[in-house]
Amino acid sequence: MTANKVAVVTGGARGIGLAAVDIFLSKGYDVVVVDMSYAVANDLAQARGGVLPIECDVSDPDAVSAMAETIARQYGRVDALVNNAGIASLHPIQETDFHTWKKIMSVNLDGAFLVTQALTPLMKEVAGAIVNVASIAGLRASTLRTAYGTSKAAVIHLTKQQAMELGAYGIRANCVAPGPVETELLAKLVEAAPEMKASYLETIPLNRFGQEKEIAEVIAFLCSSEAGYVTGQTIAVDGGFQAAGVGLTALRSAQ
């Protein structure tokens, strides 16, 4: 077993996952980057010391078992698990075909279940911490997000189940629900529908999108000893988006 703390980040080769990887590295962790693209994860490992890249489809039980075996051989422990891998599809409910529904559920929900289950024995060794990355779409309904929002709402409840059942081993489980964040995906959405940016900003009290690092900082905190008595919680990192009430936009325009 390595003396260093070990963090496992699924979907860690880009976006919020990559930001979390960099923070864990800065804190002296060895980091396992689990991603569908081995080439991207391997490039990341070459550019940063202390990174082990593993190609894995988190919705595939056999692939997840193989990933867990590799981590067990290499490190023998998992101190922090970030279930960040996820996919999205923006379609009206009547245009969301069952294949799309199942694919989103398999990655976003099944992936968090399977990876946690596979790595729990290694987390038991060190009373590790789990952070599931959900979304503000799992806390409040929105248009075009029937499959995505439902999957993230399920992840939020899965977090509570993990906290309840794994707390006996000292394992904590919490959830981060990002609001609108400046990612490649959001940039593409705004490019396709420029009015979307203004609509979002009118509703976010801080009047800006979040940064990937701001989400990652909360993830790292929840995995740290400073959050040692925090478990079963969902933190919306959203600039106040979830807290915004009816009439905010009208009031703001009147100021």
Protein backbone atom coordinates (compact mmCIF):
# COMPACT_ATOMS: atom_id res chain seq x y z
CA MET A 1 0.00 0.00 0.00
CA THR A 2 1.29 3.42 -0.94
CA ALA A 3 1.89 5.95 1.83
CA ASN A 4 0.37 8.72 -0.27
CA LYS A 5 -3.33 9.40 -0.31
CA VAL A 6 -5.03 8.20 -3.48
CA ALA A 7 -7.86 9.94 -5.33
CA VAL A 8 -9.88 8.32 -8.11
CA VAL A 9 -11.65 10.71 -10.49
CA THR A 10 -13.97 9.32 -13.15
CA GLY A 11 -14.32 11.48 -16.23
CA GLY A 12 -11.11 13.08 -15.01
CA ALA A 13 -9.49 13.96 -18.32
CA ARG A 14 -11.44 17.17 -18.93
CA GLY A 15 -13.73 19.78 -17.42
CA ILE A 16 -14.62 19.66 -13.74
CA GLY A 17 -12.93 16.27 -13.39
CA LEU A 18 -9.62 17.64 -14.67
CA ALA A 19 -9.87 20.63 -12.34
CA ALA A 20 -10.36 18.21 -9.43
CA VAL A 21 -7.36 16.15 -10.58
CA ASP A 22 -5.14 19.23 -10.48
CA ILE A 23 -6.28 20.16 -6.98
CA PHE A 24 -5.69 16.65 -5.64
CA LEU A 25 -2.21 16.64 -7.21
CA SER A 26 -1.44 19.98 -5.57
CA LYS A 27 -2.37 18.43 -2.22
CA GLY A 28 0.05 15.55 -2.69
CA TYR A 29 -2.38 12.81 -3.73
CA ASP A 30 -1.63 10.13 -6.25
CA VAL A 31 -4.51 10.39 -8.73
CA VAL A 32 -6.18 7.76 -10.87
CA VAL A 33 -7.86 9.29 -13.92
CA VAL A 34 -10.64 7.02 -15.15
CA ASP A 35 -11.90 8.01 -18.57
CA MET A 36 -13.45 6.58 -21.72
CA SER A 37 -10.54 7.98 -23.73
CA TYR A 38 -7.25 6.37 -22.75
CA ALA A 39 -5.36 8.60 -25.19
CA VAL A 40 -6.59 11.79 -23.51
CA ALA A 41 -6.04 10.38 -20.02
CA ASN A 42 -2.56 9.16 -20.97
CA ASP A 43 -1.63 12.57 -22.37
CA LEU A 44 -2.73 14.02 -19.06
CA ALA A 45 -0.57 11.51 -17.18
CA GLN A 46 2.44 12.37 -19.34
CA ALA A 47 1.99 16.07 -18.61
CA ARG A 48 1.49 15.64 -14.87
CA GLY A 49 3.38 13.39 -12.49
CA GLY A 50 1.50 11.22 -10.05
CA VAL A 51 -1.33 10.28 -12.45
CA LEU A 52 -2.36 6.75 -13.42
CA PRO A 53 -4.64 6.70 -16.50
CA ILE A 54 -7.21 3.92 -16.81
CA GLU A 55 -9.56 3.52 -19.73
CA CYS A 56 -12.95 2.43 -18.45
CA ASP A 57 -16.63 2.62 -19.36
CA VAL A 58 -18.13 3.15 -15.91
CA SER A 59 -21.44 1.66 -17.05
CA ASP A 60 -19.75 -1.69 -17.82
CA PRO A 61 -19.55 -3.90 -14.69
CA ASP A 62 -16.67 -5.99 -16.08
CA ALA A 63 -14.65 -2.91 -17.02
CA VAL A 64 -15.27 -1.39 -13.59
CA SER A 65 -14.13 -4.61 -11.85
CA ALA A 66 -10.94 -4.63 -13.92
CA MET A 67 -10.33 -0.97 -13.05
CA ALA A 68 -10.75 -1.70 -9.34
CA GLU A 69 -8.32 -4.62 -9.54
CA THR A 70 -5.71 -2.39 -11.17
CA ILE A 71 -6.07 0.22 -8.43
CA ALA A 72 -5.87 -2.46 -5.74
CA ARG A 73 -2.62 -3.82 -7.17
CA GLN A 74 -1.09 -0.41 -7.73
CA TYR A 75 -2.11 1.38 -4.54
CA GLY A 76 -4.09 -0.82 -2.15
CA ARG A 77 -6.21 2.12 -0.99
CA VAL A 78 -8.65 4.81 -2.13
CA ASP A 79 -8.94 7.91 0.04
CA ALA A 80 -11.14 9.96 -2.27
CA LEU A 81 -13.54 8.83 -4.97
CA VAL A 82 -15.08 11.43 -7.27
CA ASN A 83 -17.89 10.00 -9.41
CA ASN A 84 -17.80 12.68 -12.06
CA ALA A 85 -18.26 10.79 -15.34
CA GLY A 86 -21.49 11.79 -17.01
CA ILE A 87 -23.24 12.47 -20.27
CA ALA A 88 -26.13 14.70 -21.24
CA SER A 89 -28.79 14.98 -23.92
CA LEU A 90 -31.05 17.96 -24.37
CA HIS A 91 -34.31 16.83 -25.93
CA PRO A 92 -38.02 17.37 -25.20
CA ILE A 93 -39.61 14.47 -23.33
CA GLN A 94 -41.48 13.27 -26.42
CA GLU A 95 -38.25 13.23 -28.44
CA THR A 96 -36.20 11.38 -25.83
CA ASP A 97 -35.98 7.85 -27.20
CA PHE A 98 -35.56 4.93 -24.83
CA HIS A 99 -32.00 4.22 -26.02
CA THR A 100 -30.94 7.74 -25.03
CA TRP A 101 -32.75 7.42 -21.70
CA LYS A 102 -30.99 4.13 -20.90
CA LYS A 103 -27.57 5.40 -21.98
CA ILE A 104 -27.78 8.47 -19.76
CA MET A 105 -28.97 6.41 -16.81
CA SER A 106 -26.28 3.79 -17.35
CA VAL A 107 -23.42 6.30 -17.28
CA ASN A 108 -24.69 8.88 -14.80
CA LEU A 109 -26.41 6.60 -12.29
CA ASP A 110 -25.21 3.04 -12.87
CA GLY A 111 -21.64 4.32 -13.18
CA ALA A 112 -21.70 5.98 -9.76
CA PHE A 113 -23.23 2.83 -8.25
CA LEU A 114 -20.81 0.38 -9.88
CA VAL A 115 -17.61 2.35 -9.24
CA THR A 116 -18.50 2.99 -5.61
CA GLN A 117 -19.39 -0.65 -5.06
CA ALA A 118 -16.14 -1.84 -6.65
CA LEU A 119 -13.91 0.56 -4.71
CA THR A 120 -15.62 0.33 -1.31
CA PRO A 121 -13.24 -2.41 -0.08
CA LEU A 122 -10.29 -0.09 -0.75
CA MET A 123 -12.04 2.86 0.90
CA LYS A 124 -12.77 0.79 4.00
CA GLU A 125 -9.03 0.50 4.57
CA VAL A 126 -8.65 4.25 5.07
CA ALA A 127 -12.18 5.54 5.82
CA GLY A 128 -12.32 7.21 2.43
CA ALA A 129 -14.65 9.88 1.11
CA ILE A 130 -17.03 9.80 -1.87
CA VAL A 131 -18.19 12.82 -3.80
CA ASN A 132 -20.81 12.29 -6.49
CA VAL A 133 -21.13 15.05 -9.07
CA ALA A 134 -24.82 15.61 -9.79
CA SER A 135 -26.27 18.82 -11.20
CA ILE A 136 -28.61 21.62 -10.33
CA ALA A 137 -30.86 19.85 -12.84
CA GLY A 138 -31.26 17.11 -10.23
CA LEU A 139 -32.63 19.62 -7.73
CA ARG A 140 -34.92 21.66 -9.95
CA ALA A 141 -36.73 20.67 -13.11
CA SER A 142 -35.82 22.31 -16.38
CA THR A 143 -36.80 22.06 -20.01
CA LEU A 144 -35.08 19.49 -22.25
CA ARG A 145 -33.57 17.58 -19.33
CA THR A 146 -35.99 14.74 -18.66
CA ALA A 147 -33.36 11.99 -18.79
CA TYR A 148 -30.39 14.01 -17.56
CA GLY A 149 -32.21 15.72 -14.69
CA THR A 150 -33.83 12.48 -13.55
CA SER A 151 -30.48 10.69 -13.57
CA LYS A 152 -28.92 13.42 -11.46
CA ALA A 153 -31.83 13.44 -9.00
CA ALA A 154 -31.25 9.71 -8.59
CA VAL A 155 -27.53 10.34 -7.96
CA ILE A 156 -28.48 12.72 -5.16
CA HIS A 157 -30.55 10.01 -3.48
CA LEU A 158 -27.86 7.40 -4.12
CA THR A 159 -25.51 9.66 -2.18
CA LYS A 160 -27.80 9.50 0.85
CA GLN A 161 -27.93 5.71 0.61
CA GLN A 162 -24.16 5.53 0.42
CA ALA A 163 -23.82 7.77 3.47
CA MET A 164 -26.27 5.65 5.44
CA GLU A 165 -24.78 2.27 4.59
CA LEU A 166 -21.07 3.06 4.42
CA GLY A 167 -20.88 5.34 7.43
CA ALA A 168 -20.30 2.28 9.62
CA TYR A 169 -16.88 1.98 7.95
CA GLY A 170 -16.06 5.65 8.40
CA ILE A 171 -16.74 6.31 4.72
CA ARG A 172 -18.42 9.63 4.02
CA ALA A 173 -20.54 10.30 0.92
CA ASN A 174 -21.58 13.73 -0.30
CA CYS A 175 -22.83 15.27 -3.50
CA VAL A 176 -22.01 18.42 -5.42
CA ALA A 177 -24.69 19.88 -7.70
CA PRO A 178 -23.06 22.36 -10.07
CA GLY A 179 -25.11 25.10 -11.62
CA PRO A 180 -24.24 26.62 -15.01
CA VAL A 181 -20.46 26.30 -15.36
CA GLU A 182 -18.19 27.52 -18.14
CA THR A 183 -17.39 24.19 -19.76
CA GLU A 184 -16.95 23.15 -23.39
CA LEU A 185 -20.49 21.76 -23.34
CA LEU A 186 -21.99 25.03 -22.14
CA ALA A 187 -20.00 26.98 -24.72
CA LYS A 188 -21.47 24.81 -27.47
CA LEU A 189 -24.99 25.27 -26.10
CA VAL A 190 -24.61 29.04 -25.89
CA GLU A 191 -23.19 29.13 -29.41
CA ALA A 192 -26.22 27.22 -30.68
CA ALA A 193 -28.67 29.35 -28.69
CA PRO A 194 -27.12 32.73 -27.73
CA GLU A 195 -30.27 33.78 -25.87
CA MET A 196 -29.61 30.98 -23.38
CA LYS A 197 -26.71 32.86 -21.80
CA ALA A 198 -28.78 35.97 -21.07
CA SER A 199 -31.61 33.82 -19.74
CA TYR A 200 -29.28 32.04 -17.33
CA LEU A 201 -27.57 35.21 -16.14
CA GLU A 202 -30.91 36.83 -15.39
CA THR A 203 -31.66 33.99 -12.98
CA ILE A 204 -28.27 33.55 -11.27
CA PRO A 205 -27.92 35.96 -8.32
CA LEU A 206 -24.14 36.23 -8.78
CA ASN A 207 -24.83 37.16 -12.42
CA ARG A 208 -22.10 34.96 -13.88
CA PHE A 209 -21.32 31.37 -14.76
CA GLY A 210 -19.21 29.28 -12.44
CA GLN A 211 -15.66 28.16 -13.14
CA GLU A 212 -14.62 24.52 -13.22
CA LYS A 213 -12.07 25.14 -10.48
CA GLU A 214 -14.77 26.56 -8.18
CA ILE A 215 -16.65 23.26 -8.37
CA ALA A 216 -13.46 21.28 -7.90
CA GLU A 217 -12.54 23.25 -4.77
CA VAL A 218 -15.79 22.17 -3.12
CA ILE A 219 -15.18 18.58 -4.20
CA ALA A 220 -11.70 18.65 -2.64
CA PHE A 221 -13.08 20.17 0.57
CA LEU A 222 -15.68 17.42 0.93
CA CYS A 223 -12.91 14.83 0.55
CA SER A 224 -10.72 16.50 3.18
CA SER A 225 -10.50 16.10 6.93
CA GLU A 226 -12.00 19.59 7.28
CA ALA A 227 -15.31 18.01 6.22
CA GLY A 228 -14.83 15.03 8.52
CA TYR A 229 -18.33 15.28 10.02
CA VAL A 230 -20.13 16.06 6.77
CA THR A 231 -21.92 13.19 5.08
CA GLY A 232 -25.14 12.59 3.18
CA GLN A 233 -25.27 16.20 1.99
CA THR A 234 -25.82 17.83 -1.38
CA ILE A 235 -24.17 21.20 -1.94
CA ALA A 236 -25.40 23.31 -4.83
CA VAL A 237 -22.41 25.20 -6.24
CA ASP A 238 -24.46 27.43 -8.47
CA GLY A 239 -24.07 31.13 -7.77
CA GLY A 240 -27.41 31.09 -5.95
CA PHE A 241 -29.34 29.60 -8.88
CA GLN A 242 -31.18 27.09 -6.70
CA ALA A 243 -32.00 29.72 -4.06
CA ALA A 244 -33.40 32.25 -6.55
CA GLY A 245 -37.11 32.79 -6.08
CA VAL A 246 -39.96 34.02 -8.20
CA GLY A 247 -39.65 37.67 -9.17
CA LEU A 248 -35.86 37.95 -8.93
CA THR A 249 -35.43 39.00 -12.54
CA ALA A 250 -38.13 41.66 -12.34
CA LEU A 251 -36.73 43.05 -9.11
CA ARG A 252 -33.23 43.15 -10.52
CA SER A 253 -34.35 45.02 -13.63
CA ALA A 254 -36.08 47.57 -11.39
CA GLN A 255 -32.92 48.35 -9.43
